[in-house]
Every structure is written in structure tokens, then in C-alpha cells.
């Protein structure tokens, strides 16, 4: 399907060999949970997509274009996942491109495996051996070059002990493989929340920002700060978040065991999908 400014593809099964997203990771993407025909946190996802476009200097699709095509992509599926992929477009092989290249905008519907998402088991994290590289310019956005995450996932595939891996660099906690992470201290029945800064690494998750805003609204103390791995014994609770699986409490990071998060269930009831 052609638009005056974008080539738009809905549930397309193939991709051009000349697409720059395929060749160079030259693009951005968002993965959105659809519940009862409603794409959750759509404006927040589009806001991050637009930030990525600005960083990569790719034309931004409007809210209307995205909304209309998500609706077409969802069809009659009440509950699913929609992946939006925006690449700079297709062209000749080589890094250079002409300024008039038309971006390719893909909408892909993915079956949401609820059984897999809702399995309640012990959530134990290991430590990724691979160290992601510092990139101040590209940190926070969701660009298509995710080779760091692929290498971490290959480590996780070899492990039967852990359900996820913690990503650390220069001794500082960044995130997990595909989620942002929070730590909680309990002081005289007061809860204080901490989450890592993402100035040089990591993805600025949509759910991360929703949780931060929610905690501020509820008048909890929330610190966005550097968190050395050596300090994890000082925290009572830990949880990770992303928009597809919601909020998941972490039981253990290697030898550090976190307390049962019963008192946090009421605080985060709306964000716990399982």
C-alpha cells in the first residue's frame, strides 16, 4: 500500500532485499500489546517512535497514519501484539542513500501467547557476561540494531537456571534482556524506589516511564540514579517491567534473594498481567 510519504505494508510476509532496515538496522520499531481491540499506551509508544525518528533523521509517521493502520492490522483479533517497524526505505546496496528515499512502514500482527505470559514461577536472574557498548547518542531509543540483545539472548538460551539476565556495564546495573528494572527499599513501612539512569545504555521503556509517573503521582519517592551491582543487598524488593508482560517481581539475582513482594501487589495491581 502506498501513501504519499510512506510505503505502508500490513501483515506482509516478505521484505525487500534492498530494505535498509534489513541491511543495516536502519530504522526503529515498537511492540504494542492489544487488549480488547485497544492498543495499550499507544501515544507513549508513538512518542518514543518519533524520538527515534528524530535521532535517525527518518520522516515521522503521523498519529493518524499509525492509528488507522494498526486498526487494519488488528482486524478481528481482540487480543494480540502489534509490531510497528519503520525503516528509512529501500535503495541500492551501500551505506549512502538519496534524500528522497521513501520510508517503509510495516504493521505486523503477532499472536499473544497468554499461557506463556501468565506462567507464574520463580523469577531468577543471572548476570550477562556480554557487556553492551556505550552509545550516548543512541541510548534510550528503540532502533533496529539490537545485536547486543541477541548476544545476551544467546547466553540466556544456554542457561537452565535463569529466566532472564541482568545487563551490567562498568559495575552499574542497566536493565535486563528485554525489560527495565526497579529496586525497592523499605524503611519504617515507607517504600523508596530506584531505577537505573539510561544516559549511555539501554532502552527508555514505555512501561518504565508509566511506572515512574505513577509513583510520583502517588507521592512515592523514586530515584533515577546509577545503581552499582555491589549495592543490591541493600534492597528489599525488585521487579522488572515491559509493556508486553507488564510488571514481574524478581525472586533472586544470583545469590541475592528478594523478599516476597506481597505489599507491592496492591500498589501495582493495574500493571500486573499474570
C-alpha atoms as a PDB file:
ATOM      1  CA  UNK A   1       0.000   0.000   0.000  1.00  0.00           C
ATOM      2  CA  UNK A   2       1.374   3.402  -0.936  1.00  0.00           C
ATOM      3  CA  UNK A   3       0.995   6.654   0.939  1.00  0.00           C
ATOM      4  CA  UNK A   4       2.293   9.956  -0.397  1.00  0.00           C
ATOM      5  CA  UNK A   5       5.064   9.926   2.215  1.00  0.00           C
ATOM      6  CA  UNK A   6       5.403   6.248   3.194  1.00  0.00           C
ATOM      7  CA  UNK A   7       5.277   2.783   1.713  1.00  0.00           C
ATOM      8  CA  UNK A   8       2.844   1.057   4.072  1.00  0.00           C
ATOM      9  CA  UNK A   9       2.681  -2.730   4.497  1.00  0.00           C
ATOM     10  CA  UNK A  10       0.161  -4.578   6.681  1.00  0.00           C
ATOM     11  CA  UNK A  11       0.945  -8.150   7.761  1.00  0.00           C
ATOM     12  CA  UNK A  12       3.346  -8.514   4.866  1.00  0.00           C
ATOM     13  CA  UNK A  13       5.074 -11.903   4.753  1.00  0.00           C
ATOM     14  CA  UNK A  14       8.178 -10.810   2.821  1.00  0.00           C
ATOM     15  CA  UNK A  15      10.631  -7.905   2.800  1.00  0.00           C
ATOM     16  CA  UNK A  16      12.747  -6.441   0.021  1.00  0.00           C
ATOM     17  CA  UNK A  17      16.407  -7.427  -0.014  1.00  0.00           C
ATOM     18  CA  UNK A  18      17.079  -3.723  -0.579  1.00  0.00           C
ATOM     19  CA  UNK A  19      15.331  -2.541   2.593  1.00  0.00           C
ATOM     20  CA  UNK A  20      17.847  -0.602   4.684  1.00  0.00           C
ATOM     21  CA  UNK A  21      16.323  -1.947   7.862  1.00  0.00           C
ATOM     22  CA  UNK A  22      17.216  -5.466   6.706  1.00  0.00           C
ATOM     23  CA  UNK A  23      20.687  -4.449   5.530  1.00  0.00           C
ATOM     24  CA  UNK A  24      21.838  -2.050   8.232  1.00  0.00           C
ATOM     25  CA  UNK A  25      19.283  -1.957  11.053  1.00  0.00           C
ATOM     26  CA  UNK A  26      18.458   1.494   9.685  1.00  0.00           C
ATOM     27  CA  UNK A  27      15.146   2.059  11.412  1.00  0.00           C
ATOM     28  CA  UNK A  28      13.107   1.989  14.594  1.00  0.00           C
ATOM     29  CA  UNK A  29      10.361  -0.237  15.958  1.00  0.00           C
ATOM     30  CA  UNK A  30       7.694  -0.505  18.637  1.00  0.00           C
ATOM     31  CA  UNK A  31       5.948  -3.554  20.063  1.00  0.00           C
ATOM     32  CA  UNK A  32       2.433  -2.850  21.354  1.00  0.00           C
ATOM     33  CA  UNK A  33       0.073  -5.015  23.376  1.00  0.00           C
ATOM     34  CA  UNK A  34      -3.540  -5.042  22.160  1.00  0.00           C
ATOM     35  CA  UNK A  35      -6.214  -5.859  24.725  1.00  0.00           C
ATOM     36  CA  UNK A  36      -9.908  -5.968  23.806  1.00  0.00           C
ATOM     37  CA  UNK A  37      -9.105  -4.345  20.441  1.00  0.00           C
ATOM     38  CA  UNK A  38      -7.338  -1.448  22.202  1.00  0.00           C
ATOM     39  CA  UNK A  39      -3.581  -0.871  21.651  1.00  0.00           C
ATOM     40  CA  UNK A  40      -2.262  -0.079  25.127  1.00  0.00           C
ATOM     41  CA  UNK A  41      -0.167   3.039  25.746  1.00  0.00           C
ATOM     42  CA  UNK A  42      -0.287   3.930  22.063  1.00  0.00           C
ATOM     43  CA  UNK A  43       0.570   7.616  22.488  1.00  0.00           C
ATOM     44  CA  UNK A  44       3.586   6.733  24.609  1.00  0.00           C
ATOM     45  CA  UNK A  45       4.801   4.240  22.015  1.00  0.00           C
ATOM     46  CA  UNK A  46       4.379   6.766  19.214  1.00  0.00           C
ATOM     47  CA  UNK A  47       6.199   9.410  21.250  1.00  0.00           C
ATOM     48  CA  UNK A  48       9.221   7.108  21.576  1.00  0.00           C
ATOM     49  CA  UNK A  49       8.998   6.126  17.902  1.00  0.00           C
ATOM     50  CA  UNK A  50       9.115   9.803  16.968  1.00  0.00           C
ATOM     51  CA  UNK A  51      12.129  10.367  19.232  1.00  0.00           C
ATOM     52  CA  UNK A  52      13.876   7.544  17.401  1.00  0.00           C
ATOM     53  CA  UNK A  53      12.940   9.091  14.042  1.00  0.00           C
ATOM     54  CA  UNK A  54      14.429  12.406  15.150  1.00  0.00           C
ATOM     55  CA  UNK A  55      17.676  10.712  16.206  1.00  0.00           C
ATOM     56  CA  UNK A  56      17.999   8.758  12.949  1.00  0.00           C
ATOM     57  CA  UNK A  57      16.615  11.614  10.836  1.00  0.00           C
ATOM     58  CA  UNK A  58      13.821   9.492   9.368  1.00  0.00           C
ATOM     59  CA  UNK A  59      10.477  11.063   8.480  1.00  0.00           C
ATOM     60  CA  UNK A  60       7.904  10.696  11.287  1.00  0.00           C
ATOM     61  CA  UNK A  61       4.587   8.975  10.521  1.00  0.00           C
ATOM     62  CA  UNK A  62       1.642  10.874  11.986  1.00  0.00           C
ATOM     63  CA  UNK A  63      -0.509   9.623  14.838  1.00  0.00           C
ATOM     64  CA  UNK A  64      -3.405   9.299  12.386  1.00  0.00           C
ATOM     65  CA  UNK A  65      -1.437   7.112   9.947  1.00  0.00           C
ATOM     66  CA  UNK A  66      -0.330   4.831  12.768  1.00  0.00           C
ATOM     67  CA  UNK A  67      -3.782   4.584  14.369  1.00  0.00           C
ATOM     68  CA  UNK A  68      -5.561   3.826  11.099  1.00  0.00           C
ATOM     69  CA  UNK A  69      -3.133   1.120  10.067  1.00  0.00           C
ATOM     70  CA  UNK A  70      -2.969  -0.507  13.496  1.00  0.00           C
ATOM     71  CA  UNK A  71      -6.745  -0.832  13.319  1.00  0.00           C
ATOM     72  CA  UNK A  72      -6.483  -2.518   9.916  1.00  0.00           C
ATOM     73  CA  UNK A  73      -3.695  -4.768  11.175  1.00  0.00           C
ATOM     74  CA  UNK A  74      -5.640  -5.868  14.280  1.00  0.00           C
ATOM     75  CA  UNK A  75      -8.689  -6.845  12.259  1.00  0.00           C
ATOM     76  CA  UNK A  76     -10.942  -9.023  14.388  1.00  0.00           C
ATOM     77  CA  UNK A  77      -8.259 -10.100  16.861  1.00  0.00           C
ATOM     78  CA  UNK A  78      -9.373  -8.893  20.301  1.00  0.00           C
ATOM     79  CA  UNK A  79      -6.023  -9.658  21.907  1.00  0.00           C
ATOM     80  CA  UNK A  80      -2.712  -9.698  20.082  1.00  0.00           C
ATOM     81  CA  UNK A  81       0.600  -7.880  19.727  1.00  0.00           C
ATOM     82  CA  UNK A  82       1.267  -5.321  17.014  1.00  0.00           C
ATOM     83  CA  UNK A  83       4.808  -4.621  15.909  1.00  0.00           C
ATOM     84  CA  UNK A  84       5.472  -1.387  14.042  1.00  0.00           C
ATOM     85  CA  UNK A  85       8.676  -1.282  12.022  1.00  0.00           C
ATOM     86  CA  UNK A  86       9.784   1.916  10.307  1.00  0.00           C
ATOM     87  CA  UNK A  87      12.844   1.761   8.066  1.00  0.00           C
ATOM     88  CA  UNK A  88      14.488   4.516   6.082  1.00  0.00           C
ATOM     89  CA  UNK A  89      13.334   2.736   2.934  1.00  0.00           C
ATOM     90  CA  UNK A  90      14.825   0.692   0.104  1.00  0.00           C
ATOM     91  CA  UNK A  91      17.758   1.621  -2.095  1.00  0.00           C
ATOM     92  CA  UNK A  92      20.959   0.414  -3.670  1.00  0.00           C
ATOM     93  CA  UNK A  93      23.489  -1.529  -1.631  1.00  0.00           C
ATOM     94  CA  UNK A  94      25.875   0.718   0.306  1.00  0.00           C
ATOM     95  CA  UNK A  95      25.580   2.998   3.265  1.00  0.00           C
ATOM     96  CA  UNK A  96      24.804   6.101   1.236  1.00  0.00           C
ATOM     97  CA  UNK A  97      21.213   6.905   0.262  1.00  0.00           C
ATOM     98  CA  UNK A  98      19.337   9.541  -1.681  1.00  0.00           C
ATOM     99  CA  UNK A  99      17.442  12.125   0.361  1.00  0.00           C
ATOM    100  CA  UNK A 100      14.193  11.397  -1.469  1.00  0.00           C
ATOM    101  CA  UNK A 101      14.065   7.758  -0.370  1.00  0.00           C
ATOM    102  CA  UNK A 102      10.561   6.894   0.894  1.00  0.00           C
ATOM    103  CA  UNK A 103      10.380   5.217   4.325  1.00  0.00           C
ATOM    104  CA  UNK A 104       8.889   1.749   4.634  1.00  0.00           C
ATOM    105  CA  UNK A 105       6.289   1.408   7.397  1.00  0.00           C
ATOM    106  CA  UNK A 106       5.325  -2.136   8.407  1.00  0.00           C
ATOM    107  CA  UNK A 107       2.499  -3.252  10.707  1.00  0.00           C
ATOM    108  CA  UNK A 108       2.688  -6.882  11.821  1.00  0.00           C
ATOM    109  CA  UNK A 109       0.168  -8.765  13.966  1.00  0.00           C
ATOM    110  CA  UNK A 110       1.648 -11.351  16.324  1.00  0.00           C
ATOM    111  CA  UNK A 111      -0.313 -13.925  18.293  1.00  0.00           C
ATOM    112  CA  UNK A 112      -0.208 -13.237  22.019  1.00  0.00           C
ATOM    113  CA  UNK A 113       0.615 -16.462  23.809  1.00  0.00           C
ATOM    114  CA  UNK A 114      -1.234 -15.799  27.057  1.00  0.00           C
ATOM    115  CA  UNK A 115      -0.294 -19.115  28.584  1.00  0.00           C
ATOM    116  CA  UNK A 116       3.384 -18.290  28.174  1.00  0.00           C
ATOM    117  CA  UNK A 117       2.935 -14.755  29.548  1.00  0.00           C
ATOM    118  CA  UNK A 118       0.934 -15.875  32.565  1.00  0.00           C
ATOM    119  CA  UNK A 119       3.119 -18.701  33.846  1.00  0.00           C
ATOM    120  CA  UNK A 120       3.872 -17.925  37.486  1.00  0.00           C
ATOM    121  CA  UNK A 121       7.166 -19.399  38.565  1.00  0.00           C
ATOM    122  CA  UNK A 122      10.285 -18.353  40.378  1.00  0.00           C
ATOM    123  CA  UNK A 123      11.955 -15.496  38.518  1.00  0.00           C
ATOM    124  CA  UNK A 124      15.714 -15.819  38.920  1.00  0.00           C
ATOM    125  CA  UNK A 125      18.196 -13.566  37.143  1.00  0.00           C
ATOM    126  CA  UNK A 126      21.772 -14.287  36.196  1.00  0.00           C
ATOM    127  CA  UNK A 127      24.399 -11.810  35.053  1.00  0.00           C
ATOM    128  CA  UNK A 128      25.099 -11.394  31.349  1.00  0.00           C
ATOM    129  CA  UNK A 129      28.760 -11.874  30.508  1.00  0.00           C
ATOM    130  CA  UNK A 130      28.410  -9.754  27.394  1.00  0.00           C
ATOM    131  CA  UNK A 131      28.852  -6.034  28.059  1.00  0.00           C
ATOM    132  CA  UNK A 132      26.782  -3.743  25.877  1.00  0.00           C
ATOM    133  CA  UNK A 133      28.689  -0.844  24.392  1.00  0.00           C
ATOM    134  CA  UNK A 134      28.264   2.750  25.498  1.00  0.00           C
ATOM    135  CA  UNK A 135      26.427   4.899  22.968  1.00  0.00           C
ATOM    136  CA  UNK A 136      25.147   8.165  24.382  1.00  0.00           C
ATOM    137  CA  UNK A 137      23.523   9.239  21.111  1.00  0.00           C
ATOM    138  CA  UNK A 138      21.522   6.060  20.504  1.00  0.00           C
ATOM    139  CA  UNK A 139      20.739   5.160  24.100  1.00  0.00           C
ATOM    140  CA  UNK A 140      17.061   5.259  25.148  1.00  0.00           C
ATOM    141  CA  UNK A 141      15.538   4.854  21.648  1.00  0.00           C
ATOM    142  CA  UNK A 142      14.388   1.548  20.144  1.00  0.00           C
ATOM    143  CA  UNK A 143      16.465   1.369  16.976  1.00  0.00           C
ATOM    144  CA  UNK A 144      16.595  -1.802  14.896  1.00  0.00           C
ATOM    145  CA  UNK A 145      20.224  -2.711  15.518  1.00  0.00           C
ATOM    146  CA  UNK A 146      19.720  -5.000  18.529  1.00  0.00           C
ATOM    147  CA  UNK A 147      22.779  -7.230  18.143  1.00  0.00           C
ATOM    148  CA  UNK A 148      23.687  -6.582  21.793  1.00  0.00           C
ATOM    149  CA  UNK A 149      20.392  -8.091  22.912  1.00  0.00           C
ATOM    150  CA  UNK A 150      20.799 -11.020  20.504  1.00  0.00           C
ATOM    151  CA  UNK A 151      24.170 -11.882  22.031  1.00  0.00           C
ATOM    152  CA  UNK A 152      22.724 -11.673  25.547  1.00  0.00           C
ATOM    153  CA  UNK A 153      19.781 -13.844  24.450  1.00  0.00           C
ATOM    154  CA  UNK A 154      22.242 -16.449  23.154  1.00  0.00           C
ATOM    155  CA  UNK A 155      23.717 -16.608  26.661  1.00  0.00           C
ATOM    156  CA  UNK A 156      20.258 -16.985  28.182  1.00  0.00           C
ATOM    157  CA  UNK A 157      19.418 -19.812  25.767  1.00  0.00           C
ATOM    158  CA  UNK A 158      22.282 -21.844  27.228  1.00  0.00           C
ATOM    159  CA  UNK A 159      21.098 -21.403  30.802  1.00  0.00           C
ATOM    160  CA  UNK A 160      18.512 -23.559  32.563  1.00  0.00           C
ATOM    161  CA  UNK A 161      18.914 -21.790  35.900  1.00  0.00           C
ATOM    162  CA  UNK A 162      17.769 -18.297  34.936  1.00  0.00           C
ATOM    163  CA  UNK A 163      14.643 -16.834  33.368  1.00  0.00           C
ATOM    164  CA  UNK A 164      16.400 -13.582  32.431  1.00  0.00           C
ATOM    165  CA  UNK A 165      19.804 -11.926  32.566  1.00  0.00           C
ATOM    166  CA  UNK A 166      20.830  -8.692  34.212  1.00  0.00           C
ATOM    167  CA  UNK A 167      22.839  -6.349  31.991  1.00  0.00           C
ATOM    168  CA  UNK A 168      25.739  -4.597  33.704  1.00  0.00           C
ATOM    169  CA  UNK A 169      28.493  -2.328  32.438  1.00  0.00           C
ATOM    170  CA  UNK A 170      31.302  -0.713  34.418  1.00  0.00           C
ATOM    171  CA  UNK A 171      29.735  -2.186  37.533  1.00  0.00           C
ATOM    172  CA  UNK A 172      26.428  -0.390  37.006  1.00  0.00           C
ATOM    173  CA  UNK A 173      23.071  -2.092  36.520  1.00  0.00           C
ATOM    174  CA  UNK A 174      21.353  -1.079  33.274  1.00  0.00           C
ATOM    175  CA  UNK A 175      18.367  -3.344  32.527  1.00  0.00           C
ATOM    176  CA  UNK A 176      17.538  -6.973  31.778  1.00  0.00           C
ATOM    177  CA  UNK A 177      17.464  -8.563  28.340  1.00  0.00           C
ATOM    178  CA  UNK A 178      14.126  -7.004  27.345  1.00  0.00           C
ATOM    179  CA  UNK A 179      12.881  -5.163  30.432  1.00  0.00           C
ATOM    180  CA  UNK A 180      13.676  -2.197  32.618  1.00  0.00           C
ATOM    181  CA  UNK A 181      14.373  -2.905  36.260  1.00  0.00           C
ATOM    182  CA  UNK A 182      13.384  -1.321  39.586  1.00  0.00           C
ATOM    183  CA  UNK A 183      14.654  -1.848  43.114  1.00  0.00           C
ATOM    184  CA  UNK A 184      12.800  -1.023  46.322  1.00  0.00           C
ATOM    185  CA  UNK A 185      13.931  -0.209  49.845  1.00  0.00           C
ATOM    186  CA  UNK A 186      11.556  -0.475  52.777  1.00  0.00           C
ATOM    187  CA  UNK A 187      12.190   1.944  55.619  1.00  0.00           C
ATOM    188  CA  UNK A 188       9.703   2.046  58.529  1.00  0.00           C
ATOM    189  CA  UNK A 189       6.889   0.902  56.222  1.00  0.00           C
ATOM    190  CA  UNK A 190       7.852   3.557  53.682  1.00  0.00           C
ATOM    191  CA  UNK A 191       8.734   2.344  50.192  1.00  0.00           C
ATOM    192  CA  UNK A 192      11.522   4.048  48.251  1.00  0.00           C
ATOM    193  CA  UNK A 193      12.006   3.139  44.579  1.00  0.00           C
ATOM    194  CA  UNK A 194      15.138   3.180  42.422  1.00  0.00           C
ATOM    195  CA  UNK A 195      15.700   2.613  38.715  1.00  0.00           C
ATOM    196  CA  UNK A 196      18.902   2.957  36.659  1.00  0.00           C
ATOM    197  CA  UNK A 197      19.833   6.006  34.631  1.00  0.00           C
ATOM    198  CA  UNK A 198      19.906   5.316  30.886  1.00  0.00           C
ATOM    199  CA  UNK A 199      22.145   8.115  29.629  1.00  0.00           C
ATOM    200  CA  UNK A 200      24.686   5.863  27.942  1.00  0.00           C
ATOM    201  CA  UNK A 201      22.996   2.480  27.544  1.00  0.00           C
ATOM    202  CA  UNK A 202      19.656   0.771  27.403  1.00  0.00           C
ATOM    203  CA  UNK A 203      16.118   1.396  26.200  1.00  0.00           C
ATOM    204  CA  UNK A 204      13.859   4.006  27.750  1.00  0.00           C
ATOM    205  CA  UNK A 205      10.892   1.698  28.183  1.00  0.00           C
ATOM    206  CA  UNK A 206       7.309   2.890  27.806  1.00  0.00           C
ATOM    207  CA  UNK A 207       6.248   0.938  30.902  1.00  0.00           C
ATOM    208  CA  UNK A 208       9.266   2.264  32.804  1.00  0.00           C
ATOM    209  CA  UNK A 209       8.086   5.832  32.303  1.00  0.00           C
ATOM    210  CA  UNK A 210       4.489   4.941  33.133  1.00  0.00           C
ATOM    211  CA  UNK A 211       5.620   3.358  36.415  1.00  0.00           C
ATOM    212  CA  UNK A 212       7.797   6.387  37.248  1.00  0.00           C
ATOM    213  CA  UNK A 213       4.901   8.781  36.587  1.00  0.00           C
ATOM    214  CA  UNK A 214       2.535   6.591  38.587  1.00  0.00           C
ATOM    215  CA  UNK A 215       4.868   6.505  41.598  1.00  0.00           C
ATOM    216  CA  UNK A 216       5.330  10.274  41.510  1.00  0.00           C
ATOM    217  CA  UNK A 217       1.560  10.773  41.322  1.00  0.00           C
ATOM    218  CA  UNK A 218       1.122   8.505  44.354  1.00  0.00           C
ATOM    219  CA  UNK A 219       3.771  10.550  46.222  1.00  0.00           C
ATOM    220  CA  UNK A 220       6.314   7.748  46.490  1.00  0.00           C
ATOM    221  CA  UNK A 221       9.985   8.619  46.411  1.00  0.00           C
ATOM    222  CA  UNK A 222      11.544   7.475  43.139  1.00  0.00           C
ATOM    223  CA  UNK A 223      15.221   7.927  42.307  1.00  0.00           C
ATOM    224  CA  UNK A 224      16.573   7.619  38.757  1.00  0.00           C
ATOM    225  CA  UNK A 225      20.207   7.052  39.530  1.00  0.00           C
ATOM    226  CA  UNK A 226      23.301   4.949  38.946  1.00  0.00           C
ATOM    227  CA  UNK A 227      22.881   1.626  40.736  1.00  0.00           C
ATOM    228  CA  UNK A 228      26.128  -0.290  41.359  1.00  0.00           C
ATOM    229  CA  UNK A 229      25.669  -4.047  41.322  1.00  0.00           C
ATOM    230  CA  UNK A 230      27.540  -4.200  44.631  1.00  0.00           C
ATOM    231  CA  UNK A 231      24.592  -2.451  46.345  1.00  0.00           C
ATOM    232  CA  UNK A 232      21.830  -4.986  45.536  1.00  0.00           C
ATOM    233  CA  UNK A 233      21.932  -6.470  49.042  1.00  0.00           C
ATOM    234  CA  UNK A 234      20.575  -3.163  50.366  1.00  0.00           C
ATOM    235  CA  UNK A 235      17.239  -3.560  48.544  1.00  0.00           C
ATOM    236  CA  UNK A 236      14.200  -5.416  49.850  1.00  0.00           C
ATOM    237  CA  UNK A 237      12.310  -5.940  46.585  1.00  0.00           C
ATOM    238  CA  UNK A 238      12.972  -5.976  42.876  1.00  0.00           C
ATOM    239  CA  UNK A 239      10.802  -6.061  39.762  1.00  0.00           C
ATOM    240  CA  UNK A 240      11.113  -5.676  36.007  1.00  0.00           C
ATOM    241  CA  UNK A 241       8.694  -4.123  33.522  1.00  0.00           C
ATOM    242  CA  UNK A 242       7.839  -4.007  29.841  1.00  0.00           C
ATOM    243  CA  UNK A 243       4.596  -3.316  28.017  1.00  0.00           C
ATOM    244  CA  UNK A 244       4.071  -6.873  26.756  1.00  0.00           C
ATOM    245  CA  UNK A 245       4.479  -8.783  30.041  1.00  0.00           C
ATOM    246  CA  UNK A 246       3.674  -5.959  32.443  1.00  0.00           C
ATOM    247  CA  UNK A 247       5.259  -5.911  35.885  1.00  0.00           C
ATOM    248  CA  UNK A 248       7.063  -9.051  37.052  1.00  0.00           C
ATOM    249  CA  UNK A 249       8.519  -9.445  40.530  1.00  0.00           C
ATOM    250  CA  UNK A 250      12.038 -10.863  40.748  1.00  0.00           C
ATOM    251  CA  UNK A 251      12.781 -13.504  43.351  1.00  0.00           C
ATOM    252  CA  UNK A 252      16.543 -13.690  43.091  1.00  0.00           C
ATOM    253  CA  UNK A 253      19.567 -12.172  41.336  1.00  0.00           C
ATOM    254  CA  UNK A 254      22.295 -14.801  41.577  1.00  0.00           C
ATOM    255  CA  UNK A 255      22.746 -15.296  45.361  1.00  0.00           C
ATOM    256  CA  UNK A 256      20.711 -12.265  46.438  1.00  0.00           C
ATOM    257  CA  UNK A 257      17.164 -13.293  47.393  1.00  0.00           C
ATOM    258  CA  UNK A 258      14.489 -10.615  47.495  1.00  0.00           C
ATOM    259  CA  UNK A 259      11.578 -10.561  49.934  1.00  0.00           C
ATOM    260  CA  UNK A 260       8.120 -11.648  48.864  1.00  0.00           C
ATOM    261  CA  UNK A 261       6.500  -8.597  47.353  1.00  0.00           C
ATOM    262  CA  UNK A 262       3.018  -9.079  48.854  1.00  0.00           C
ATOM    263  CA  UNK A 263       2.722  -5.472  49.983  1.00  0.00           C
ATOM    264  CA  UNK A 264       3.583  -4.250  46.466  1.00  0.00           C
ATOM    265  CA  UNK A 265       0.767  -6.144  44.760  1.00  0.00           C
ATOM    266  CA  UNK A 266      -1.786  -3.582  45.851  1.00  0.00           C
ATOM    267  CA  UNK A 267       0.459  -0.728  44.728  1.00  0.00           C
ATOM    268  CA  UNK A 268       0.933  -2.178  41.235  1.00  0.00           C
ATOM    269  CA  UNK A 269      -2.245  -4.189  40.738  1.00  0.00           C
ATOM    270  CA  UNK A 270      -3.090  -2.463  37.422  1.00  0.00           C
ATOM    271  CA  UNK A 271       0.300  -3.299  35.945  1.00  0.00           C
ATOM    272  CA  UNK A 272       0.484  -6.993  36.838  1.00  0.00           C
ATOM    273  CA  UNK A 273      -0.786  -9.045  33.893  1.00  0.00           C
ATOM    274  CA  UNK A 274      -0.217 -12.551  35.279  1.00  0.00           C
END
